[in-house]
Amino acid sequence: MFDTGLPVHLIIDAMRRVRETQGDAVYIRQKGDPDRGVVTLAINLGDGTIKRLTQQRDLDGQLAWQELAAISESDSQDWLDKIAKRDPYAWVIEIDDKMGRNPFEAL
């Protein structure tokens, strides 16, 4: 998790550079608040399935990742569009990763 006090856009830029050098595709579907926006991830597993992760604040106010139920690739577009409409400050990111890894856990 990255509740480091750094602006979110810097953390996302770092993750993107790392993943792209590893050959993974990273798509920023919506740029949210550059300093404090929460992040939603759609991880394409390459088998027609999308693993979904979103940030939530826990009872102590700390950011934590919540894994949602996986959905089909065809349903992911609607889901991502709903997030973008509901929260214009959120970051919406798609990543191709057959292993389903959260790219922010390595930072």
N, C-alpha and C. Protein backbone atom coordinates (compact mmCIF):
# COMPACT_ATOMS: atom_id res chain seq x y z
N MET A 1 0.85 -1.16 0.00
CA MET A 1 0.00 0.00 0.00
C MET A 1 0.89 1.22 0.00
N PHE A 2 0.40 2.30 -0.53
CA PHE A 2 1.24 3.48 -0.61
C PHE A 2 0.60 4.69 0.02
N ASP A 3 0.58 4.73 1.30
CA ASP A 3 0.11 5.90 2.04
C ASP A 3 1.37 6.60 2.55
N THR A 4 2.22 7.03 1.61
CA THR A 4 3.54 7.53 1.95
C THR A 4 3.61 9.04 2.12
N GLY A 5 2.55 9.73 1.74
CA GLY A 5 2.58 11.18 1.77
C GLY A 5 3.05 11.76 0.45
N LEU A 6 3.58 10.92 -0.43
CA LEU A 6 3.96 11.39 -1.77
C LEU A 6 2.71 11.59 -2.61
N PRO A 7 2.75 12.52 -3.55
CA PRO A 7 1.61 12.68 -4.45
C PRO A 7 1.35 11.39 -5.23
N VAL A 8 0.09 11.06 -5.40
CA VAL A 8 -0.29 9.82 -6.07
C VAL A 8 0.28 9.75 -7.48
N HIS A 9 0.31 10.86 -8.20
CA HIS A 9 0.79 10.82 -9.58
C HIS A 9 2.25 10.38 -9.66
N LEU A 10 3.07 10.71 -8.67
CA LEU A 10 4.47 10.27 -8.67
C LEU A 10 4.57 8.75 -8.47
N ILE A 11 3.74 8.23 -7.60
CA ILE A 11 3.75 6.79 -7.33
C ILE A 11 3.26 6.03 -8.56
N ILE A 12 2.22 6.55 -9.20
CA ILE A 12 1.70 5.90 -10.41
C ILE A 12 2.73 5.97 -11.53
N ASP A 13 3.39 7.10 -11.70
CA ASP A 13 4.43 7.21 -12.73
C ASP A 13 5.56 6.21 -12.50
N ALA A 14 5.97 6.05 -11.24
CA ALA A 14 7.03 5.09 -10.92
C ALA A 14 6.58 3.67 -11.23
N MET A 15 5.36 3.32 -10.83
CA MET A 15 4.84 1.98 -11.10
C MET A 15 4.78 1.73 -12.60
N ARG A 16 4.30 2.72 -13.32
CA ARG A 16 4.17 2.56 -14.78
C ARG A 16 5.52 2.32 -15.43
N ARG A 17 6.53 3.08 -15.04
CA ARG A 17 7.86 2.89 -15.62
C ARG A 17 8.41 1.50 -15.32
N VAL A 18 8.25 1.06 -14.09
CA VAL A 18 8.75 -0.27 -13.71
C VAL A 18 8.04 -1.35 -14.51
N ARG A 19 6.73 -1.31 -14.57
CA ARG A 19 5.97 -2.35 -15.26
C ARG A 19 6.21 -2.35 -16.77
N GLU A 20 6.32 -1.15 -17.36
CA GLU A 20 6.56 -1.11 -18.79
C GLU A 20 7.95 -1.61 -19.16
N THR A 21 8.94 -1.40 -18.29
CA THR A 21 10.27 -1.96 -18.57
C THR A 21 10.27 -3.48 -18.46
N GLN A 22 9.28 -4.03 -17.72
CA GLN A 22 9.14 -5.47 -17.61
C GLN A 22 8.28 -6.04 -18.74
N GLY A 23 7.81 -5.17 -19.64
CA GLY A 23 7.03 -5.61 -20.78
C GLY A 23 5.53 -5.67 -20.55
N ASP A 24 5.07 -5.17 -19.42
CA ASP A 24 3.63 -5.17 -19.13
C ASP A 24 2.99 -3.91 -19.71
N ALA A 25 1.76 -4.03 -20.18
CA ALA A 25 1.01 -2.88 -20.67
C ALA A 25 0.29 -2.22 -19.50
N VAL A 26 0.39 -0.91 -19.41
CA VAL A 26 -0.28 -0.13 -18.37
C VAL A 26 -1.05 0.99 -19.08
N TYR A 27 -2.35 1.07 -18.77
CA TYR A 27 -3.21 2.08 -19.37
C TYR A 27 -3.83 2.93 -18.27
N ILE A 28 -3.62 4.22 -18.35
CA ILE A 28 -4.25 5.15 -17.42
C ILE A 28 -5.58 5.55 -18.05
N ARG A 29 -6.67 4.99 -17.55
CA ARG A 29 -8.00 5.26 -18.11
C ARG A 29 -8.55 6.59 -17.63
N GLN A 30 -8.20 6.97 -16.41
CA GLN A 30 -8.64 8.26 -15.88
C GLN A 30 -7.57 8.77 -14.94
N LYS A 31 -7.14 10.00 -15.17
CA LYS A 31 -6.23 10.66 -14.25
C LYS A 31 -7.07 11.34 -13.19
N GLY A 32 -6.83 10.96 -11.96
CA GLY A 32 -7.57 11.54 -10.85
C GLY A 32 -6.83 12.71 -10.23
N ASP A 33 -7.16 12.99 -9.00
CA ASP A 33 -6.49 14.05 -8.27
C ASP A 33 -5.00 13.70 -8.20
N PRO A 34 -4.12 14.58 -8.69
CA PRO A 34 -2.70 14.25 -8.75
C PRO A 34 -2.04 14.06 -7.39
N ASP A 35 -2.63 14.63 -6.35
CA ASP A 35 -2.01 14.56 -5.04
C ASP A 35 -2.61 13.49 -4.13
N ARG A 36 -3.94 13.30 -4.19
CA ARG A 36 -4.57 12.44 -3.18
C ARG A 36 -5.65 11.50 -3.72
N GLY A 37 -5.80 11.38 -5.02
CA GLY A 37 -6.85 10.52 -5.56
C GLY A 37 -6.63 9.05 -5.21
N VAL A 38 -7.72 8.33 -5.02
CA VAL A 38 -7.63 6.89 -4.78
C VAL A 38 -7.47 6.18 -6.12
N VAL A 39 -7.00 4.94 -6.07
CA VAL A 39 -6.70 4.18 -7.28
C VAL A 39 -7.60 2.96 -7.37
N THR A 40 -8.11 2.73 -8.57
CA THR A 40 -8.84 1.50 -8.89
C THR A 40 -8.05 0.80 -9.98
N LEU A 41 -7.83 -0.50 -9.80
CA LEU A 41 -7.08 -1.30 -10.76
C LEU A 41 -7.96 -2.34 -11.41
N ALA A 42 -7.79 -2.48 -12.71
CA ALA A 42 -8.38 -3.58 -13.47
C ALA A 42 -7.21 -4.35 -14.06
N ILE A 43 -6.99 -5.56 -13.55
CA ILE A 43 -5.84 -6.36 -13.99
C ILE A 43 -6.34 -7.44 -14.93
N ASN A 44 -5.94 -7.31 -16.20
CA ASN A 44 -6.35 -8.27 -17.21
C ASN A 44 -5.47 -9.52 -17.09
N LEU A 45 -6.11 -10.65 -16.79
CA LEU A 45 -5.37 -11.90 -16.58
C LEU A 45 -5.08 -12.64 -17.87
N GLY A 46 -5.56 -12.12 -18.99
CA GLY A 46 -5.26 -12.73 -20.28
C GLY A 46 -6.12 -13.93 -20.63
N ASP A 47 -7.08 -14.25 -19.78
CA ASP A 47 -7.96 -15.40 -20.03
C ASP A 47 -9.42 -14.96 -20.14
N GLY A 48 -9.63 -13.66 -20.39
CA GLY A 48 -10.97 -13.12 -20.45
C GLY A 48 -11.51 -12.65 -19.12
N THR A 49 -10.66 -12.71 -18.09
CA THR A 49 -11.06 -12.34 -16.74
C THR A 49 -10.30 -11.09 -16.28
N ILE A 50 -11.00 -10.23 -15.55
CA ILE A 50 -10.40 -9.03 -14.99
C ILE A 50 -10.44 -9.14 -13.47
N LYS A 51 -9.27 -9.05 -12.85
CA LYS A 51 -9.17 -8.99 -11.39
C LYS A 51 -9.32 -7.52 -11.01
N ARG A 52 -10.17 -7.25 -10.02
CA ARG A 52 -10.45 -5.86 -9.64
C ARG A 52 -9.94 -5.57 -8.23
N LEU A 53 -9.23 -4.45 -8.12
CA LEU A 53 -8.74 -3.97 -6.83
C LEU A 53 -9.07 -2.49 -6.70
N THR A 54 -9.43 -2.08 -5.52
CA THR A 54 -9.70 -0.67 -5.28
C THR A 54 -9.18 -0.29 -3.90
N GLN A 55 -8.84 0.96 -3.75
CA GLN A 55 -8.37 1.45 -2.45
C GLN A 55 -9.55 1.87 -1.60
N GLN A 56 -9.45 1.57 -0.32
CA GLN A 56 -10.46 1.96 0.66
C GLN A 56 -9.72 2.41 1.92
N ARG A 57 -10.33 3.28 2.66
CA ARG A 57 -9.78 3.66 3.97
C ARG A 57 -10.27 2.67 5.01
N ASP A 58 -9.36 2.20 5.86
CA ASP A 58 -9.77 1.29 6.93
C ASP A 58 -10.26 2.10 8.13
N LEU A 59 -10.56 1.43 9.22
CA LEU A 59 -11.10 2.11 10.39
C LEU A 59 -10.14 3.13 10.99
N ASP A 60 -8.83 2.93 10.76
CA ASP A 60 -7.82 3.86 11.27
C ASP A 60 -7.52 4.98 10.29
N GLY A 61 -8.22 4.99 9.16
CA GLY A 61 -8.00 6.02 8.15
C GLY A 61 -6.87 5.73 7.20
N GLN A 62 -6.29 4.55 7.29
CA GLN A 62 -5.19 4.17 6.42
C GLN A 62 -5.73 3.56 5.13
N LEU A 63 -5.04 3.81 4.01
CA LEU A 63 -5.44 3.21 2.75
C LEU A 63 -5.10 1.73 2.74
N ALA A 64 -6.01 0.94 2.20
CA ALA A 64 -5.79 -0.51 2.07
C ALA A 64 -6.42 -0.96 0.76
N TRP A 65 -5.91 -2.04 0.19
CA TRP A 65 -6.46 -2.58 -1.04
C TRP A 65 -7.60 -3.54 -0.72
N GLN A 66 -8.67 -3.40 -1.46
CA GLN A 66 -9.80 -4.32 -1.36
C GLN A 66 -9.94 -5.02 -2.70
N GLU A 67 -9.96 -6.35 -2.66
CA GLU A 67 -10.15 -7.12 -3.90
C GLU A 67 -11.64 -7.38 -4.07
N LEU A 68 -12.13 -7.03 -5.23
CA LEU A 68 -13.53 -7.26 -5.58
C LEU A 68 -13.63 -8.55 -6.39
N ALA A 69 -14.82 -9.02 -6.58
CA ALA A 69 -15.02 -10.23 -7.38
C ALA A 69 -14.54 -9.99 -8.81
N ALA A 70 -13.91 -11.00 -9.38
CA ALA A 70 -13.44 -10.91 -10.76
C ALA A 70 -14.64 -10.81 -11.70
N ILE A 71 -14.44 -10.14 -12.82
CA ILE A 71 -15.49 -10.01 -13.82
C ILE A 71 -14.93 -10.35 -15.19
N SER A 72 -15.83 -10.49 -16.15
CA SER A 72 -15.39 -10.79 -17.51
C SER A 72 -14.82 -9.53 -18.15
N GLU A 73 -13.98 -9.74 -19.13
CA GLU A 73 -13.38 -8.63 -19.84
C GLU A 73 -14.46 -7.75 -20.49
N SER A 74 -15.52 -8.37 -20.97
CA SER A 74 -16.59 -7.61 -21.63
C SER A 74 -17.36 -6.73 -20.64
N ASP A 75 -17.41 -7.12 -19.37
CA ASP A 75 -18.10 -6.32 -18.35
C ASP A 75 -17.22 -5.22 -17.75
N SER A 76 -15.93 -5.31 -17.97
CA SER A 76 -15.02 -4.37 -17.31
C SER A 76 -15.18 -2.94 -17.81
N GLN A 77 -15.50 -2.76 -19.08
CA GLN A 77 -15.67 -1.41 -19.63
C GLN A 77 -16.76 -0.65 -18.88
N ASP A 78 -17.91 -1.29 -18.68
CA ASP A 78 -19.01 -0.64 -17.95
C ASP A 78 -18.60 -0.32 -16.52
N TRP A 79 -17.93 -1.26 -15.86
CA TRP A 79 -17.50 -1.06 -14.48
C TRP A 79 -16.55 0.13 -14.38
N LEU A 80 -15.56 0.20 -15.29
CA LEU A 80 -14.59 1.30 -15.26
C LEU A 80 -15.26 2.64 -15.57
N ASP A 81 -16.21 2.64 -16.50
CA ASP A 81 -16.94 3.87 -16.82
C ASP A 81 -17.74 4.37 -15.62
N LYS A 82 -18.35 3.45 -14.87
CA LYS A 82 -19.13 3.84 -13.69
C LYS A 82 -18.24 4.47 -12.62
N ILE A 83 -17.07 3.92 -12.43
CA ILE A 83 -16.14 4.48 -11.45
C ILE A 83 -15.74 5.90 -11.85
N ALA A 84 -15.41 6.07 -13.12
CA ALA A 84 -14.99 7.39 -13.61
C ALA A 84 -16.09 8.42 -13.45
N LYS A 85 -17.34 8.03 -13.69
CA LYS A 85 -18.45 8.97 -13.54
C LYS A 85 -18.74 9.27 -12.07
N ARG A 86 -18.62 8.25 -11.22
CA ARG A 86 -18.94 8.40 -9.80
C ARG A 86 -17.90 9.24 -9.06
N ASP A 87 -16.63 9.10 -9.44
CA ASP A 87 -15.57 9.78 -8.71
C ASP A 87 -14.55 10.38 -9.68
N PRO A 88 -14.70 11.64 -10.04
CA PRO A 88 -13.77 12.26 -10.99
C PRO A 88 -12.36 12.45 -10.42
N TYR A 89 -12.19 12.25 -9.11
CA TYR A 89 -10.88 12.40 -8.49
C TYR A 89 -10.11 11.08 -8.41
N ALA A 90 -10.77 9.97 -8.77
CA ALA A 90 -10.14 8.65 -8.70
C ALA A 90 -9.26 8.41 -9.93
N TRP A 91 -8.22 7.63 -9.71
CA TRP A 91 -7.39 7.14 -10.80
C TRP A 91 -7.93 5.78 -11.21
N VAL A 92 -8.07 5.56 -12.50
CA VAL A 92 -8.55 4.27 -13.01
C VAL A 92 -7.46 3.74 -13.93
N ILE A 93 -6.90 2.58 -13.55
CA ILE A 93 -5.74 2.03 -14.26
C ILE A 93 -6.03 0.60 -14.68
N GLU A 94 -5.66 0.28 -15.92
CA GLU A 94 -5.74 -1.09 -16.42
C GLU A 94 -4.32 -1.61 -16.64
N ILE A 95 -4.11 -2.86 -16.30
CA ILE A 95 -2.79 -3.48 -16.44
C ILE A 95 -2.98 -4.89 -16.99
N ASP A 96 -2.13 -5.27 -17.90
CA ASP A 96 -2.10 -6.65 -18.38
C ASP A 96 -1.08 -7.41 -17.56
N ASP A 97 -1.53 -8.42 -16.82
CA ASP A 97 -0.64 -9.23 -15.99
C ASP A 97 -1.29 -10.58 -15.75
N LYS A 98 -0.79 -11.59 -16.42
CA LYS A 98 -1.36 -12.93 -16.32
C LYS A 98 -1.29 -13.50 -14.91
N MET A 99 -0.38 -12.99 -14.10
CA MET A 99 -0.24 -13.48 -12.72
C MET A 99 -1.14 -12.71 -11.75
N GLY A 100 -1.76 -11.63 -12.20
CA GLY A 100 -2.69 -10.88 -11.36
C GLY A 100 -2.06 -10.12 -10.21
N ARG A 101 -0.82 -9.72 -10.36
CA ARG A 101 -0.11 -9.03 -9.27
C ARG A 101 -0.56 -7.58 -9.13
N ASN A 102 -0.65 -7.12 -7.90
CA ASN A 102 -0.90 -5.71 -7.63
C ASN A 102 0.44 -4.99 -7.83
N PRO A 103 0.53 -4.11 -8.82
CA PRO A 103 1.82 -3.48 -9.12
C PRO A 103 2.31 -2.52 -8.05
N PHE A 104 1.42 -2.11 -7.17
CA PHE A 104 1.83 -1.16 -6.14
C PHE A 104 2.43 -1.85 -4.91
N GLU A 105 2.24 -3.13 -4.78
CA GLU A 105 2.82 -3.82 -3.63
C GLU A 105 4.33 -3.97 -3.73
N ALA A 106 4.85 -3.83 -4.95
CA ALA A 106 6.30 -3.95 -5.14
C ALA A 106 7.03 -2.61 -4.92
N LEU A 107 6.27 -1.53 -4.76
CA LEU A 107 6.90 -0.21 -4.59
C LEU A 107 7.17 0.08 -3.13
